[in-house]
Amino acid sequence: MPAEIDMYGVYLPSLLALMFLTLPLSLLVRRVLAWFGAYSLIWHRGLFDIALYLVLLQGMSLLSQWWFS
């Protein structure tokens, strides 16, 4: 993936774009986990949500490196 993305003359880091793309995916996964009742097995929901977001962000980063190479 390119290091920077041009948005109408403003250069944004590609990680910022990936963060914005990962947020809806994270919300969807969290909603599915809540629907299945998985949060009753998790000790600290906030820490789990942050860790889940970081894992999804890493996956999106690896996917974008594979896609754009």
PDB file of N, CA and C in Angstrom:
ATOM      1  N   MET A   1       0.852  -1.173   0.000  1.00  0.00           N
ATOM      2  CA  MET A   1       0.000   0.000   0.000  1.00  0.00           C
ATOM      3  C   MET A   1       0.895   1.232   0.000  1.00  0.00           C
ATOM      4  N   PRO A   2       0.484   2.272  -0.685  1.00  0.00           N
ATOM      5  CA  PRO A   2       1.303   3.482  -0.679  1.00  0.00           C
ATOM      6  C   PRO A   2       1.430   4.052   0.730  1.00  0.00           C
ATOM      7  N   ALA A   3       2.517   4.750   0.966  1.00  0.00           N
ATOM      8  CA  ALA A   3       2.765   5.298   2.304  1.00  0.00           C
ATOM      9  C   ALA A   3       1.784   6.408   2.644  1.00  0.00           C
ATOM     10  N   GLU A   4       1.340   7.139   1.641  1.00  0.00           N
ATOM     11  CA  GLU A   4       0.414   8.249   1.870  1.00  0.00           C
ATOM     12  C   GLU A   4      -0.700   8.218   0.836  1.00  0.00           C
ATOM     13  N   ILE A   5      -1.849   8.714   1.232  1.00  0.00           N
ATOM     14  CA  ILE A   5      -3.008   8.772   0.345  1.00  0.00           C
ATOM     15  C   ILE A   5      -3.379  10.238   0.166  1.00  0.00           C
ATOM     16  N   ASP A   6      -3.532  10.652  -1.075  1.00  0.00           N
ATOM     17  CA  ASP A   6      -3.869  12.038  -1.378  1.00  0.00           C
ATOM     18  C   ASP A   6      -5.379  12.218  -1.342  1.00  0.00           C
ATOM     19  N   MET A   7      -5.871  13.024  -0.419  1.00  0.00           N
ATOM     20  CA  MET A   7      -7.301  13.335  -0.306  1.00  0.00           C
ATOM     21  C   MET A   7      -7.488  14.821  -0.568  1.00  0.00           C
ATOM     22  N   TYR A   8      -7.712  15.172  -1.822  1.00  0.00           N
ATOM     23  CA  TYR A   8      -7.930  16.559  -2.237  1.00  0.00           C
ATOM     24  C   TYR A   8      -6.798  17.484  -1.808  1.00  0.00           C
ATOM     25  N   GLY A   9      -5.565  17.023  -1.995  1.00  0.00           N
ATOM     26  CA  GLY A   9      -4.408  17.838  -1.686  1.00  0.00           C
ATOM     27  C   GLY A   9      -3.873  17.661  -0.276  1.00  0.00           C
ATOM     28  N   VAL A  10      -4.563  16.906   0.551  1.00  0.00           N
ATOM     29  CA  VAL A  10      -4.108  16.638   1.915  1.00  0.00           C
ATOM     30  C   VAL A  10      -3.593  15.205   1.946  1.00  0.00           C
ATOM     31  N   TYR A  11      -2.349  15.043   2.343  1.00  0.00           N
ATOM     32  CA  TYR A  11      -1.759  13.720   2.401  1.00  0.00           C
ATOM     33  C   TYR A  11      -2.023  13.092   3.763  1.00  0.00           C
ATOM     34  N   LEU A  12      -2.665  11.931   3.730  1.00  0.00           N
ATOM     35  CA  LEU A  12      -2.984  11.200   4.947  1.00  0.00           C
ATOM     36  C   LEU A  12      -2.161   9.916   4.988  1.00  0.00           C
ATOM     37  N   PRO A  13      -1.693   9.533   6.171  1.00  0.00           N
ATOM     38  CA  PRO A  13      -0.972   8.260   6.243  1.00  0.00           C
ATOM     39  C   PRO A  13      -1.917   7.097   5.941  1.00  0.00           C
ATOM     40  N   SER A  14      -1.388   6.078   5.321  1.00  0.00           N
ATOM     41  CA  SER A  14      -2.236   4.945   4.941  1.00  0.00           C
ATOM     42  C   SER A  14      -2.765   4.218   6.178  1.00  0.00           C
ATOM     43  N   LEU A  15      -2.045   4.279   7.282  1.00  0.00           N
ATOM     44  CA  LEU A  15      -2.526   3.646   8.510  1.00  0.00           C
ATOM     45  C   LEU A  15      -3.813   4.314   8.993  1.00  0.00           C
ATOM     46  N   LEU A  16      -3.929   5.608   8.825  1.00  0.00           N
ATOM     47  CA  LEU A  16      -5.147   6.310   9.225  1.00  0.00           C
ATOM     48  C   LEU A  16      -6.335   5.844   8.390  1.00  0.00           C
ATOM     49  N   ALA A  17      -6.112   5.664   7.104  1.00  0.00           N
ATOM     50  CA  ALA A  17      -7.185   5.162   6.239  1.00  0.00           C
ATOM     51  C   ALA A  17      -7.579   3.744   6.648  1.00  0.00           C
ATOM     52  N   LEU A  18      -6.585   2.913   6.971  1.00  0.00           N
ATOM     53  CA  LEU A  18      -6.883   1.559   7.420  1.00  0.00           C
ATOM     54  C   LEU A  18      -7.639   1.560   8.741  1.00  0.00           C
ATOM     55  N   MET A  19      -7.317   2.509   9.613  1.00  0.00           N
ATOM     56  CA  MET A  19      -8.016   2.598  10.892  1.00  0.00           C
ATOM     57  C   MET A  19      -9.488   2.926  10.670  1.00  0.00           C
ATOM     58  N   PHE A  20      -9.767   3.833   9.733  1.00  0.00           N
ATOM     59  CA  PHE A  20     -11.157   4.190   9.443  1.00  0.00           C
ATOM     60  C   PHE A  20     -11.899   3.039   8.762  1.00  0.00           C
ATOM     61  N   LEU A  21     -11.202   2.240   7.968  1.00  0.00           N
ATOM     62  CA  LEU A  21     -11.842   1.100   7.322  1.00  0.00           C
ATOM     63  C   LEU A  21     -12.073  -0.057   8.294  1.00  0.00           C
ATOM     64  N   THR A  22     -11.230  -0.163   9.305  1.00  0.00           N
ATOM     65  CA  THR A  22     -11.337  -1.253  10.267  1.00  0.00           C
ATOM     66  C   THR A  22     -12.436  -0.997  11.295  1.00  0.00           C
ATOM     67  N   LEU A  23     -12.758   0.238  11.558  1.00  0.00           N
ATOM     68  CA  LEU A  23     -13.743   0.561  12.593  1.00  0.00           C
ATOM     69  C   LEU A  23     -15.117  -0.071  12.321  1.00  0.00           C
ATOM     70  N   PRO A  24     -15.698   0.044  11.135  1.00  0.00           N
ATOM     71  CA  PRO A  24     -17.000  -0.622  10.933  1.00  0.00           C
ATOM     72  C   PRO A  24     -16.910  -2.142  11.033  1.00  0.00           C
ATOM     73  N   LEU A  25     -15.794  -2.709  10.582  1.00  0.00           N
ATOM     74  CA  LEU A  25     -15.606  -4.152  10.704  1.00  0.00           C
ATOM     75  C   LEU A  25     -15.556  -4.567  12.163  1.00  0.00           C
ATOM     76  N   SER A  26     -14.869  -3.780  12.968  1.00  0.00           N
ATOM     77  CA  SER A  26     -14.783  -4.058  14.394  1.00  0.00           C
ATOM     78  C   SER A  26     -16.155  -3.961  15.061  1.00  0.00           C
ATOM     79  N   LEU A  27     -16.922  -2.955  14.688  1.00  0.00           N
ATOM     80  CA  LEU A  27     -18.267  -2.813  15.252  1.00  0.00           C
ATOM     81  C   LEU A  27     -19.150  -3.988  14.867  1.00  0.00           C
ATOM     82  N   LEU A  28     -19.015  -4.467  13.648  1.00  0.00           N
ATOM     83  CA  LEU A  28     -19.796  -5.614  13.197  1.00  0.00           C
ATOM     84  C   LEU A  28     -19.419  -6.874  13.974  1.00  0.00           C
ATOM     85  N   VAL A  29     -18.127  -7.119  14.144  1.00  0.00           N
ATOM     86  CA  VAL A  29     -17.671  -8.300  14.878  1.00  0.00           C
ATOM     87  C   VAL A  29     -18.110  -8.217  16.339  1.00  0.00           C
ATOM     88  N   ARG A  30     -18.028  -7.027  16.941  1.00  0.00           N
ATOM     89  CA  ARG A  30     -18.475  -6.863  18.323  1.00  0.00           C
ATOM     90  C   ARG A  30     -19.963  -7.141  18.461  1.00  0.00           C
ATOM     91  N   ARG A  31     -20.751  -6.704  17.492  1.00  0.00           N
ATOM     92  CA  ARG A  31     -22.196  -6.942  17.540  1.00  0.00           C
ATOM     93  C   ARG A  31     -22.509  -8.431  17.416  1.00  0.00           C
ATOM     94  N   VAL A  32     -21.777  -9.119  16.551  1.00  0.00           N
ATOM     95  CA  VAL A  32     -21.973 -10.566  16.398  1.00  0.00           C
ATOM     96  C   VAL A  32     -21.584 -11.292  17.679  1.00  0.00           C
ATOM     97  N   LEU A  33     -20.467 -10.893  18.289  1.00  0.00           N
ATOM     98  CA  LEU A  33     -20.054 -11.515  19.546  1.00  0.00           C
ATOM     99  C   LEU A  33     -21.074 -11.272  20.652  1.00  0.00           C
ATOM    100  N   ALA A  34     -21.632 -10.086  20.708  1.00  0.00           N
ATOM    101  CA  ALA A  34     -22.651  -9.795  21.715  1.00  0.00           C
ATOM    102  C   ALA A  34     -23.918 -10.604  21.442  1.00  0.00           C
ATOM    103  N   TRP A  35     -24.277 -10.798  20.183  1.00  0.00           N
ATOM    104  CA  TRP A  35     -25.465 -11.563  19.842  1.00  0.00           C
ATOM    105  C   TRP A  35     -25.315 -13.024  20.248  1.00  0.00           C
ATOM    106  N   PHE A  36     -24.097 -13.570  20.081  1.00  0.00           N
ATOM    107  CA  PHE A  36     -23.838 -14.954  20.475  1.00  0.00           C
ATOM    108  C   PHE A  36     -23.639 -15.115  21.981  1.00  0.00           C
ATOM    109  N   GLY A  37     -23.515 -14.017  22.706  1.00  0.00           N
ATOM    110  CA  GLY A  37     -23.328 -14.090  24.150  1.00  0.00           C
ATOM    111  C   GLY A  37     -21.898 -14.360  24.569  1.00  0.00           C
ATOM    112  N   ALA A  38     -20.949 -14.064  23.695  1.00  0.00           N
ATOM    113  CA  ALA A  38     -19.545 -14.338  24.000  1.00  0.00           C
ATOM    114  C   ALA A  38     -18.996 -13.395  25.069  1.00  0.00           C
ATOM    115  N   TYR A  39     -19.613 -12.247  25.238  1.00  0.00           N
ATOM    116  CA  TYR A  39     -19.104 -11.289  26.216  1.00  0.00           C
ATOM    117  C   TYR A  39     -19.352 -11.741  27.654  1.00  0.00           C
ATOM    118  N   SER A  40     -20.210 -12.717  27.857  1.00  0.00           N
ATOM    119  CA  SER A  40     -20.391 -13.237  29.210  1.00  0.00           C
ATOM    120  C   SER A  40     -19.189 -14.058  29.658  1.00  0.00           C
ATOM    121  N   LEU A  41     -18.366 -14.500  28.707  1.00  0.00           N
ATOM    122  CA  LEU A  41     -17.170 -15.274  29.027  1.00  0.00           C
ATOM    123  C   LEU A  41     -15.914 -14.417  29.125  1.00  0.00           C
ATOM    124  N   ILE A  42     -16.033 -13.139  28.825  1.00  0.00           N
ATOM    125  CA  ILE A  42     -14.869 -12.243  28.769  1.00  0.00           C
ATOM    126  C   ILE A  42     -14.828 -11.414  30.038  1.00  0.00           C
ATOM    127  N   TRP A  43     -13.632 -11.368  30.647  1.00  0.00           N
ATOM    128  CA  TRP A  43     -13.481 -10.707  31.933  1.00  0.00           C
ATOM    129  C   TRP A  43     -13.581  -9.187  31.822  1.00  0.00           C
ATOM    130  N   HIS A  44     -12.841  -8.595  30.885  1.00  0.00           N
ATOM    131  CA  HIS A  44     -12.800  -7.134  30.762  1.00  0.00           C
ATOM    132  C   HIS A  44     -13.150  -6.772  29.324  1.00  0.00           C
ATOM    133  N   ARG A  45     -14.370  -6.325  29.136  1.00  0.00           N
ATOM    134  CA  ARG A  45     -14.877  -6.092  27.781  1.00  0.00           C
ATOM    135  C   ARG A  45     -14.107  -4.998  27.052  1.00  0.00           C
ATOM    136  N   GLY A  46     -13.733  -3.934  27.746  1.00  0.00           N
ATOM    137  CA  GLY A  46     -13.009  -2.839  27.099  1.00  0.00           C
ATOM    138  C   GLY A  46     -11.650  -3.270  26.570  1.00  0.00           C
ATOM    139  N   LEU A  47     -10.909  -4.019  27.371  1.00  0.00           N
ATOM    140  CA  LEU A  47      -9.606  -4.510  26.925  1.00  0.00           C
ATOM    141  C   LEU A  47      -9.762  -5.479  25.752  1.00  0.00           C
ATOM    142  N   PHE A  48     -10.779  -6.315  25.824  1.00  0.00           N
ATOM    143  CA  PHE A  48     -11.016  -7.252  24.736  1.00  0.00           C
ATOM    144  C   PHE A  48     -11.359  -6.514  23.444  1.00  0.00           C
ATOM    145  N   ASP A  49     -12.169  -5.474  23.534  1.00  0.00           N
ATOM    146  CA  ASP A  49     -12.553  -4.717  22.341  1.00  0.00           C
ATOM    147  C   ASP A  49     -11.351  -4.029  21.709  1.00  0.00           C
ATOM    148  N   ILE A  50     -10.469  -3.482  22.538  1.00  0.00           N
ATOM    149  CA  ILE A  50      -9.257  -2.847  21.995  1.00  0.00           C
ATOM    150  C   ILE A  50      -8.355  -3.881  21.341  1.00  0.00           C
ATOM    151  N   ALA A  51      -8.189  -5.028  21.996  1.00  0.00           N
ATOM    152  CA  ALA A  51      -7.350  -6.083  21.424  1.00  0.00           C
ATOM    153  C   ALA A  51      -7.954  -6.605  20.129  1.00  0.00           C
ATOM    154  N   LEU A  52      -9.263  -6.750  20.085  1.00  0.00           N
ATOM    155  CA  LEU A  52      -9.941  -7.194  18.870  1.00  0.00           C
ATOM    156  C   LEU A  52      -9.726  -6.195  17.739  1.00  0.00           C
ATOM    157  N   TYR A  53      -9.839  -4.913  18.046  1.00  0.00           N
ATOM    158  CA  TYR A  53      -9.624  -3.875  17.031  1.00  0.00           C
ATOM    159  C   TYR A  53      -8.188  -3.931  16.497  1.00  0.00           C
ATOM    160  N   LEU A  54      -7.226  -4.110  17.381  1.00  0.00           N
ATOM    161  CA  LEU A  54      -5.829  -4.163  16.944  1.00  0.00           C
ATOM    162  C   LEU A  54      -5.549  -5.397  16.093  1.00  0.00           C
ATOM    163  N   VAL A  55      -6.159  -6.521  16.444  1.00  0.00           N
ATOM    164  CA  VAL A  55      -5.982  -7.728  15.635  1.00  0.00           C
ATOM    165  C   VAL A  55      -6.608  -7.530  14.249  1.00  0.00           C
ATOM    166  N   LEU A  56      -7.784  -6.941  14.205  1.00  0.00           N
ATOM    167  CA  LEU A  56      -8.422  -6.677  12.909  1.00  0.00           C
ATOM    168  C   LEU A  56      -7.628  -5.658  12.092  1.00  0.00           C
ATOM    169  N   LEU A  57      -7.061  -4.645  12.760  1.00  0.00           N
ATOM    170  CA  LEU A  57      -6.244  -3.658  12.060  1.00  0.00           C
ATOM    171  C   LEU A  57      -4.996  -4.303  11.469  1.00  0.00           C
ATOM    172  N   GLN A  58      -4.383  -5.205  12.223  1.00  0.00           N
ATOM    173  CA  GLN A  58      -3.213  -5.917  11.699  1.00  0.00           C
ATOM    174  C   GLN A  58      -3.605  -6.775  10.499  1.00  0.00           C
ATOM    175  N   GLY A  59      -4.748  -7.424  10.589  1.00  0.00           N
ATOM    176  CA  GLY A  59      -5.221  -8.222   9.462  1.00  0.00           C
ATOM    177  C   GLY A  59      -5.492  -7.374   8.233  1.00  0.00           C
ATOM    178  N   MET A  60      -6.094  -6.217   8.434  1.00  0.00           N
ATOM    179  CA  MET A  60      -6.339  -5.310   7.302  1.00  0.00           C
ATOM    180  C   MET A  60      -5.023  -4.808   6.712  1.00  0.00           C
ATOM    181  N   SER A  61      -4.056  -4.557   7.568  1.00  0.00           N
ATOM    182  CA  SER A  61      -2.754  -4.101   7.091  1.00  0.00           C
ATOM    183  C   SER A  61      -2.078  -5.177   6.247  1.00  0.00           C
ATOM    184  N   LEU A  62      -2.107  -6.403   6.732  1.00  0.00           N
ATOM    185  CA  LEU A  62      -1.509  -7.494   5.956  1.00  0.00           C
ATOM    186  C   LEU A  62      -2.263  -7.734   4.659  1.00  0.00           C
ATOM    187  N   LEU A  63      -3.575  -7.616   4.706  1.00  0.00           N
ATOM    188  CA  LEU A  63      -4.382  -7.778   3.503  1.00  0.00           C
ATOM    189  C   LEU A  63      -4.090  -6.680   2.483  1.00  0.00           C
ATOM    190  N   SER A  64      -3.907  -5.457   2.961  1.00  0.00           N
ATOM    191  CA  SER A  64      -3.615  -4.365   2.031  1.00  0.00           C
ATOM    192  C   SER A  64      -2.212  -4.499   1.444  1.00  0.00           C
ATOM    193  N   GLN A  65      -1.260  -5.015   2.219  1.00  0.00           N
ATOM    194  CA  GLN A  65       0.080  -5.226   1.672  1.00  0.00           C
ATOM    195  C   GLN A  65       0.045  -6.303   0.592  1.00  0.00           C
ATOM    196  N   TRP A  66      -0.740  -7.342   0.817  1.00  0.00           N
ATOM    197  CA  TRP A  66      -0.863  -8.399  -0.175  1.00  0.00           C
ATOM    198  C   TRP A  66      -1.605  -7.897  -1.408  1.00  0.00           C
ATOM    199  N   TRP A  67      -2.645  -7.112  -1.193  1.00  0.00           N
ATOM    200  CA  TRP A  67      -3.485  -6.646  -2.296  1.00  0.00           C
ATOM    201  C   TRP A  67      -2.736  -5.672  -3.214  1.00  0.00           C
ATOM    202  N   PHE A  68      -1.929  -4.773  -2.637  1.00  0.00           N
ATOM    203  CA  PHE A  68      -1.273  -3.734  -3.421  1.00  0.00           C
ATOM    204  C   PHE A  68       0.147  -4.083  -3.839  1.00  0.00           C
ATOM    205  N   SER A  69       0.590  -5.293  -3.566  1.00  0.00           N
ATOM    206  CA  SER A  69       1.965  -5.636  -3.983  1.00  0.00           C
ATOM    207  C   SER A  69       1.991  -6.341  -5.310  1.00  0.00           C
TER     208      SER A  69
END
